[in-house]
Amino acid sequence: MAKNAPAIVPALERPRGRPLKPGGRLSQVEIQRAYRDRLAAAGKVVRVVDVAAVSLAPQVVPAFPDFDPARDGIYEREMIETMRENLHKTSLRLENIQEDMKRLEQRNAYLEGELKLLEQPPYECAERQNSAQAATG
């Protein structure tokens, strides 16, 4: 006769290790709950996703068809103000660079004209100076 196999009793779901002390360290779940509560109290948007529902969902999901940034994101005023300030500073720098480019192009054109005058033979320069003096005088 074969021996009867002992029935396997499922273990109760409990955390491994020693039990937590009262007033001791918080578990990660409790820390997350407290964080979400603080965000909700501050008026920021919190979206809790059920992991079981997500894992049972079909694996091929279109690229977030119902994404709504007002509902699905957490935006902090400080982050938005910092981004705005950085973009403003960058746009001012670009404007200054464009003004410098215009000024340098004008100076370059002037210096090219001066160089052409210096490269001309001396008699042409003297003729131009004489004609300029005759026109003014």
N, C-alpha and C. Protein backbone atom coordinates (compact mmCIF):
# COMPACT_ATOMS: atom_id res chain seq x y z
N MET A 1 0.80 -1.17 0.00
CA MET A 1 0.00 0.00 0.00
C MET A 1 0.86 1.25 0.00
N ALA A 2 0.41 2.19 -0.76
CA ALA A 2 1.14 3.45 -0.82
C ALA A 2 0.75 4.34 0.34
N LYS A 3 1.71 5.06 0.79
CA LYS A 3 1.43 5.99 1.89
C LYS A 3 0.65 7.17 1.34
N ASN A 4 -0.22 7.64 2.16
CA ASN A 4 -0.96 8.84 1.77
C ASN A 4 -0.04 10.06 1.91
N ALA A 5 -0.03 10.90 0.88
CA ALA A 5 0.79 12.11 0.92
C ALA A 5 0.13 13.11 1.86
N PRO A 6 0.90 13.80 2.66
CA PRO A 6 0.30 14.79 3.56
C PRO A 6 -0.30 15.94 2.76
N ALA A 7 -1.40 16.43 3.21
CA ALA A 7 -2.06 17.55 2.54
C ALA A 7 -1.21 18.81 2.74
N ILE A 8 -1.04 19.56 1.64
CA ILE A 8 -0.24 20.79 1.70
C ILE A 8 -1.16 21.90 2.17
N VAL A 9 -0.82 22.50 3.28
CA VAL A 9 -1.61 23.60 3.83
C VAL A 9 -0.94 24.90 3.40
N PRO A 10 -1.71 25.76 2.71
CA PRO A 10 -1.09 27.03 2.30
C PRO A 10 -0.74 27.88 3.52
N ALA A 11 0.41 28.49 3.46
CA ALA A 11 0.84 29.35 4.57
C ALA A 11 0.03 30.64 4.55
N LEU A 12 -0.20 31.17 5.71
CA LEU A 12 -0.91 32.44 5.81
C LEU A 12 -0.01 33.56 5.28
N GLU A 13 -0.64 34.54 4.63
CA GLU A 13 0.12 35.66 4.09
C GLU A 13 0.49 36.58 5.26
N ARG A 14 1.74 36.61 5.57
CA ARG A 14 2.22 37.52 6.61
C ARG A 14 3.64 37.92 6.25
N PRO A 15 4.06 39.06 6.73
CA PRO A 15 5.41 39.50 6.39
C PRO A 15 6.46 38.59 6.99
N ARG A 16 7.57 38.49 6.28
CA ARG A 16 8.66 37.66 6.76
C ARG A 16 9.43 38.39 7.85
N GLY A 17 10.05 37.63 8.70
CA GLY A 17 10.90 38.23 9.73
C GLY A 17 10.13 38.54 11.00
N ARG A 18 10.75 39.33 11.80
CA ARG A 18 10.16 39.68 13.09
C ARG A 18 9.01 40.63 12.90
N PRO A 19 8.03 40.58 13.80
CA PRO A 19 6.94 41.55 13.71
C PRO A 19 7.45 42.96 13.99
N LEU A 20 6.78 43.93 13.39
CA LEU A 20 7.18 45.32 13.57
C LEU A 20 6.87 45.79 14.99
N LYS A 21 7.73 46.62 15.51
CA LYS A 21 7.50 47.19 16.84
C LYS A 21 6.48 48.31 16.72
N PRO A 22 5.64 48.49 17.73
CA PRO A 22 4.72 49.63 17.69
C PRO A 22 5.52 50.93 17.76
N GLY A 23 5.16 51.87 16.90
CA GLY A 23 5.87 53.15 16.84
C GLY A 23 7.23 53.03 16.18
N GLY A 24 7.50 51.90 15.56
CA GLY A 24 8.80 51.68 14.91
C GLY A 24 8.78 52.14 13.47
N ARG A 25 9.61 51.53 12.68
CA ARG A 25 9.78 51.89 11.28
C ARG A 25 8.51 51.61 10.48
N LEU A 26 8.16 52.49 9.54
CA LEU A 26 6.97 52.32 8.71
C LEU A 26 7.31 51.45 7.50
N SER A 27 6.33 50.73 7.02
CA SER A 27 6.54 49.94 5.80
C SER A 27 6.48 50.86 4.59
N GLN A 28 6.95 50.37 3.47
CA GLN A 28 6.98 51.18 2.25
C GLN A 28 5.57 51.56 1.81
N VAL A 29 4.62 50.67 1.99
CA VAL A 29 3.23 50.96 1.60
C VAL A 29 2.69 52.12 2.43
N GLU A 30 2.96 52.10 3.73
CA GLU A 30 2.48 53.19 4.58
C GLU A 30 3.13 54.52 4.22
N ILE A 31 4.40 54.48 3.85
CA ILE A 31 5.10 55.70 3.43
C ILE A 31 4.46 56.25 2.17
N GLN A 32 4.15 55.38 1.19
CA GLN A 32 3.51 55.82 -0.06
C GLN A 32 2.14 56.41 0.21
N ARG A 33 1.35 55.76 1.07
CA ARG A 33 0.02 56.28 1.39
C ARG A 33 0.12 57.67 2.01
N ALA A 34 1.05 57.85 2.94
CA ALA A 34 1.22 59.16 3.58
C ALA A 34 1.64 60.21 2.54
N TYR A 35 2.50 59.84 1.60
CA TYR A 35 2.94 60.77 0.56
C TYR A 35 1.77 61.19 -0.32
N ARG A 36 0.95 60.21 -0.73
CA ARG A 36 -0.22 60.53 -1.55
C ARG A 36 -1.19 61.42 -0.80
N ASP A 37 -1.37 61.16 0.49
CA ASP A 37 -2.26 62.01 1.30
C ASP A 37 -1.74 63.44 1.38
N ARG A 38 -0.41 63.60 1.53
CA ARG A 38 0.16 64.95 1.57
C ARG A 38 -0.03 65.66 0.25
N LEU A 39 0.17 64.94 -0.88
CA LEU A 39 -0.04 65.57 -2.19
C LEU A 39 -1.50 65.97 -2.37
N ALA A 40 -2.42 65.10 -1.98
CA ALA A 40 -3.85 65.43 -2.12
C ALA A 40 -4.21 66.62 -1.25
N ALA A 41 -3.65 66.71 -0.04
CA ALA A 41 -3.94 67.83 0.85
C ALA A 41 -3.38 69.14 0.28
N ALA A 42 -2.28 69.06 -0.46
CA ALA A 42 -1.69 70.26 -1.06
C ALA A 42 -2.40 70.66 -2.33
N GLY A 43 -3.38 69.88 -2.78
CA GLY A 43 -4.12 70.23 -3.99
C GLY A 43 -3.48 69.74 -5.26
N LYS A 44 -2.51 68.87 -5.16
CA LYS A 44 -1.88 68.34 -6.35
C LYS A 44 -2.62 67.08 -6.79
N VAL A 45 -2.48 66.75 -8.06
CA VAL A 45 -3.22 65.63 -8.63
C VAL A 45 -2.50 64.33 -8.32
N VAL A 46 -3.26 63.35 -7.86
CA VAL A 46 -2.70 62.03 -7.57
C VAL A 46 -3.55 61.00 -8.29
N ARG A 47 -2.91 60.11 -9.01
CA ARG A 47 -3.63 59.04 -9.67
C ARG A 47 -3.06 57.72 -9.19
N VAL A 48 -3.90 56.92 -8.59
CA VAL A 48 -3.47 55.63 -8.08
C VAL A 48 -3.88 54.58 -9.09
N VAL A 49 -2.94 53.74 -9.47
CA VAL A 49 -3.19 52.70 -10.46
C VAL A 49 -3.19 51.36 -9.75
N ASP A 50 -4.21 50.56 -10.02
CA ASP A 50 -4.29 49.23 -9.44
C ASP A 50 -3.38 48.31 -10.24
N VAL A 51 -2.37 47.75 -9.59
CA VAL A 51 -1.38 46.93 -10.28
C VAL A 51 -2.02 45.67 -10.83
N ALA A 52 -2.95 45.09 -10.11
CA ALA A 52 -3.59 43.86 -10.57
C ALA A 52 -4.36 44.11 -11.86
N ALA A 53 -5.05 45.24 -11.96
CA ALA A 53 -5.81 45.56 -13.16
C ALA A 53 -4.89 45.80 -14.34
N VAL A 54 -3.75 46.41 -14.08
CA VAL A 54 -2.81 46.70 -15.16
C VAL A 54 -2.18 45.40 -15.65
N SER A 55 -1.84 44.49 -14.74
CA SER A 55 -1.18 43.26 -15.17
C SER A 55 -2.14 42.34 -15.93
N LEU A 56 -3.46 42.45 -15.67
CA LEU A 56 -4.44 41.63 -16.38
C LEU A 56 -4.88 42.26 -17.70
N ALA A 57 -4.53 43.52 -17.88
CA ALA A 57 -4.92 44.23 -19.10
C ALA A 57 -4.15 43.65 -20.28
N PRO A 58 -4.71 43.80 -21.49
CA PRO A 58 -3.99 43.32 -22.67
C PRO A 58 -2.64 44.03 -22.79
N GLN A 59 -1.65 43.31 -23.26
CA GLN A 59 -0.29 43.83 -23.30
C GLN A 59 -0.10 44.90 -24.37
N VAL A 60 -0.85 44.83 -25.45
CA VAL A 60 -0.72 45.82 -26.51
C VAL A 60 -1.73 46.93 -26.24
N VAL A 61 -1.23 48.06 -25.78
CA VAL A 61 -2.07 49.20 -25.44
C VAL A 61 -1.70 50.34 -26.37
N PRO A 62 -2.68 50.99 -26.97
CA PRO A 62 -2.34 52.14 -27.81
C PRO A 62 -1.65 53.21 -26.98
N ALA A 63 -0.97 54.12 -27.63
CA ALA A 63 -0.15 55.12 -26.95
C ALA A 63 -1.01 56.10 -26.15
N PHE A 64 -1.46 55.67 -24.99
CA PHE A 64 -2.21 56.48 -24.03
C PHE A 64 -3.34 57.27 -24.70
N PRO A 65 -4.37 56.60 -25.18
CA PRO A 65 -5.43 57.33 -25.88
C PRO A 65 -6.22 58.27 -24.97
N ASP A 66 -6.30 57.97 -23.68
CA ASP A 66 -7.09 58.82 -22.79
C ASP A 66 -6.20 59.64 -21.87
N PHE A 67 -4.98 59.95 -22.31
CA PHE A 67 -4.07 60.72 -21.47
C PHE A 67 -4.55 62.15 -21.36
N ASP A 68 -4.69 62.62 -20.14
CA ASP A 68 -5.09 63.99 -19.88
C ASP A 68 -4.08 64.56 -18.89
N PRO A 69 -3.23 65.52 -19.30
CA PRO A 69 -2.19 66.00 -18.40
C PRO A 69 -2.74 66.66 -17.14
N ALA A 70 -3.93 67.24 -17.21
CA ALA A 70 -4.49 67.85 -16.00
C ALA A 70 -4.86 66.79 -14.98
N ARG A 71 -5.15 65.60 -15.43
CA ARG A 71 -5.58 64.55 -14.52
C ARG A 71 -4.46 63.56 -14.21
N ASP A 72 -3.60 63.29 -15.18
CA ASP A 72 -2.63 62.21 -15.06
C ASP A 72 -1.25 62.65 -14.61
N GLY A 73 -1.01 63.91 -14.43
CA GLY A 73 0.33 64.35 -14.06
C GLY A 73 0.36 65.02 -12.71
N ILE A 74 1.53 65.08 -12.14
CA ILE A 74 1.74 65.81 -10.90
C ILE A 74 2.63 66.99 -11.26
N TYR A 75 2.08 68.18 -11.18
CA TYR A 75 2.82 69.38 -11.54
C TYR A 75 2.99 70.23 -10.29
N GLU A 76 4.20 70.63 -10.06
CA GLU A 76 4.48 71.49 -8.93
C GLU A 76 4.73 72.89 -9.46
N ARG A 77 4.20 73.86 -8.77
CA ARG A 77 4.33 75.26 -9.19
C ARG A 77 5.80 75.67 -9.30
N GLU A 78 6.62 75.22 -8.36
CA GLU A 78 8.03 75.59 -8.37
C GLU A 78 8.73 75.06 -9.62
N MET A 79 8.40 73.84 -10.03
CA MET A 79 9.01 73.25 -11.23
C MET A 79 8.61 74.05 -12.47
N ILE A 80 7.33 74.40 -12.58
CA ILE A 80 6.85 75.15 -13.75
C ILE A 80 7.49 76.54 -13.78
N GLU A 81 7.57 77.21 -12.62
CA GLU A 81 8.18 78.54 -12.58
C GLU A 81 9.66 78.49 -12.93
N THR A 82 10.35 77.44 -12.48
CA THR A 82 11.76 77.29 -12.81
C THR A 82 11.95 77.09 -14.32
N MET A 83 11.11 76.24 -14.91
CA MET A 83 11.19 76.02 -16.36
C MET A 83 10.92 77.32 -17.12
N ARG A 84 9.90 78.08 -16.68
CA ARG A 84 9.56 79.33 -17.35
C ARG A 84 10.72 80.32 -17.26
N GLU A 85 11.34 80.41 -16.07
CA GLU A 85 12.45 81.32 -15.87
C GLU A 85 13.64 80.93 -16.75
N ASN A 86 13.93 79.64 -16.82
CA ASN A 86 15.04 79.18 -17.67
C ASN A 86 14.78 79.48 -19.14
N LEU A 87 13.55 79.25 -19.61
CA LEU A 87 13.22 79.55 -21.00
C LEU A 87 13.30 81.05 -21.28
N HIS A 88 12.87 81.86 -20.33
CA HIS A 88 12.93 83.31 -20.50
C HIS A 88 14.38 83.78 -20.61
N LYS A 89 15.24 83.26 -19.72
CA LYS A 89 16.66 83.63 -19.76
C LYS A 89 17.29 83.20 -21.08
N THR A 90 16.93 82.02 -21.55
CA THR A 90 17.49 81.53 -22.81
C THR A 90 17.04 82.39 -23.99
N SER A 91 15.77 82.80 -23.98
CA SER A 91 15.30 83.65 -25.09
C SER A 91 15.99 85.01 -25.05
N LEU A 92 16.24 85.56 -23.86
CA LEU A 92 16.98 86.83 -23.78
C LEU A 92 18.40 86.67 -24.29
N ARG A 93 19.03 85.56 -23.97
CA ARG A 93 20.39 85.32 -24.47
C ARG A 93 20.39 85.24 -25.99
N LEU A 94 19.38 84.57 -26.56
CA LEU A 94 19.30 84.48 -28.02
C LEU A 94 19.12 85.86 -28.65
N GLU A 95 18.28 86.70 -28.04
CA GLU A 95 18.10 88.05 -28.58
C GLU A 95 19.40 88.83 -28.52
N ASN A 96 20.14 88.72 -27.42
CA ASN A 96 21.44 89.42 -27.31
C ASN A 96 22.42 88.91 -28.35
N ILE A 97 22.44 87.63 -28.58
CA ILE A 97 23.35 87.06 -29.59
C ILE A 97 22.98 87.57 -30.98
N GLN A 98 21.67 87.65 -31.28
CA GLN A 98 21.25 88.15 -32.59
C GLN A 98 21.63 89.62 -32.76
N GLU A 99 21.49 90.43 -31.71
CA GLU A 99 21.91 91.84 -31.79
C GLU A 99 23.42 91.94 -32.00
N ASP A 100 24.18 91.11 -31.30
CA ASP A 100 25.64 91.11 -31.48
C ASP A 100 26.00 90.71 -32.91
N MET A 101 25.28 89.74 -33.47
CA MET A 101 25.56 89.32 -34.84
C MET A 101 25.31 90.47 -35.82
N LYS A 102 24.21 91.20 -35.64
CA LYS A 102 23.93 92.33 -36.54
C LYS A 102 25.03 93.38 -36.44
N ARG A 103 25.43 93.70 -35.19
CA ARG A 103 26.48 94.70 -34.98
C ARG A 103 27.79 94.25 -35.61
N LEU A 104 28.15 92.98 -35.45
CA LEU A 104 29.40 92.48 -36.01
C LEU A 104 29.35 92.41 -37.53
N GLU A 105 28.19 92.11 -38.10
CA GLU A 105 28.07 92.11 -39.57
C GLU A 105 28.25 93.52 -40.13
N GLN A 106 27.69 94.51 -39.44
CA GLN A 106 27.88 95.90 -39.89
C GLN A 106 29.35 96.31 -39.78
N ARG A 107 29.97 95.95 -38.68
CA ARG A 107 31.40 96.28 -38.52
C ARG A 107 32.24 95.55 -39.56
N ASN A 108 31.89 94.31 -39.85
CA ASN A 108 32.62 93.53 -40.86
C ASN A 108 32.52 94.21 -42.23
N ALA A 109 31.32 94.68 -42.57
CA ALA A 109 31.14 95.35 -43.86
C ALA A 109 31.99 96.63 -43.91
N TYR A 110 32.02 97.38 -42.82
CA TYR A 110 32.82 98.61 -42.77
C TYR A 110 34.30 98.29 -42.93
N LEU A 111 34.78 97.27 -42.19
CA LEU A 111 36.20 96.91 -42.26
C LEU A 111 36.59 96.36 -43.63
N GLU A 112 35.68 95.64 -44.29
CA GLU A 112 35.97 95.18 -45.65
C GLU A 112 36.12 96.36 -46.59
N GLY A 113 35.29 97.37 -46.43
CA GLY A 113 35.43 98.58 -47.25
C GLY A 113 36.76 99.28 -47.01
N GLU A 114 37.15 99.37 -45.74
CA GLU A 114 38.44 99.98 -45.41
C GLU A 114 39.60 99.18 -46.01
N LEU A 115 39.49 97.85 -45.97
CA LEU A 115 40.54 97.00 -46.52
C LEU A 115 40.66 97.19 -48.02
N LYS A 116 39.52 97.31 -48.70
CA LYS A 116 39.56 97.53 -50.16
C LYS A 116 40.24 98.85 -50.48
N LEU A 117 39.99 99.88 -49.65
CA LEU A 117 40.65 101.17 -49.88
C LEU A 117 42.16 101.05 -49.69
N LEU A 118 42.57 100.26 -48.68
CA LEU A 118 44.01 100.11 -48.44
C LEU A 118 44.69 99.28 -49.52
N GLU A 119 43.96 98.36 -50.13
CA GLU A 119 44.55 97.50 -51.15
C GLU A 119 44.64 98.18 -52.52
N GLN A 120 43.95 99.30 -52.70
CA GLN A 120 43.99 99.99 -53.99
C GLN A 120 45.37 100.61 -54.19
N PRO A 121 45.78 100.77 -55.47
CA PRO A 121 47.06 101.45 -55.74
C PRO A 121 47.02 102.88 -55.20
N PRO A 122 48.18 103.42 -54.83
CA PRO A 122 48.22 104.74 -54.18
C PRO A 122 47.67 105.88 -55.03
N TYR A 123 47.81 105.83 -56.33
CA TYR A 123 47.32 106.95 -57.14
C TYR A 123 45.80 107.01 -57.14
N GLU A 124 45.12 105.84 -57.06
CA GLU A 124 43.66 105.88 -57.02
C GLU A 124 43.18 106.49 -55.70
N CYS A 125 43.90 106.18 -54.62
CA CYS A 125 43.52 106.74 -53.32
C CYS A 125 43.70 108.25 -53.34
N ALA A 126 44.80 108.73 -53.94
CA ALA A 126 45.05 110.18 -53.99
C ALA A 126 43.99 110.87 -54.83
N GLU A 127 43.59 110.24 -55.97
CA GLU A 127 42.55 110.83 -56.81
C GLU A 127 41.23 110.93 -56.05
N ARG A 128 40.89 109.90 -55.30
CA ARG A 128 39.64 109.93 -54.54
C ARG A 128 39.68 111.00 -53.45
N GLN A 129 40.84 111.12 -52.81
CA GLN A 129 40.94 112.14 -51.76
C GLN A 129 40.83 113.53 -52.38
N ASN A 130 41.45 113.75 -53.56
CA ASN A 130 41.38 115.05 -54.23
C ASN A 130 39.95 115.36 -54.67
N SER A 131 39.24 114.33 -55.19
CA SER A 131 37.88 114.57 -55.63
C SER A 131 36.95 114.81 -54.43
N ALA A 132 37.25 114.16 -53.31
CA ALA A 132 36.43 114.39 -52.11
C ALA A 132 36.67 115.79 -51.57
N GLN A 133 37.93 116.26 -51.63
CA GLN A 133 38.22 117.61 -51.15
C GLN A 133 37.60 118.65 -52.07
N ALA A 134 37.60 118.37 -53.37
CA ALA A 134 37.03 119.33 -54.33
C ALA A 134 35.52 119.40 -54.15
N ALA A 135 34.88 118.29 -53.82
CA ALA A 135 33.42 118.29 -53.65
C ALA A 135 33.02 119.04 -52.40
N THR A 136 33.84 118.98 -51.37
CA THR A 136 33.49 119.66 -50.11
C THR A 136 33.93 121.11 -50.13
N GLY A 137 34.91 121.42 -50.87
CA GLY A 137 35.47 122.77 -50.81
C GLY A 137 35.07 123.65 -51.87
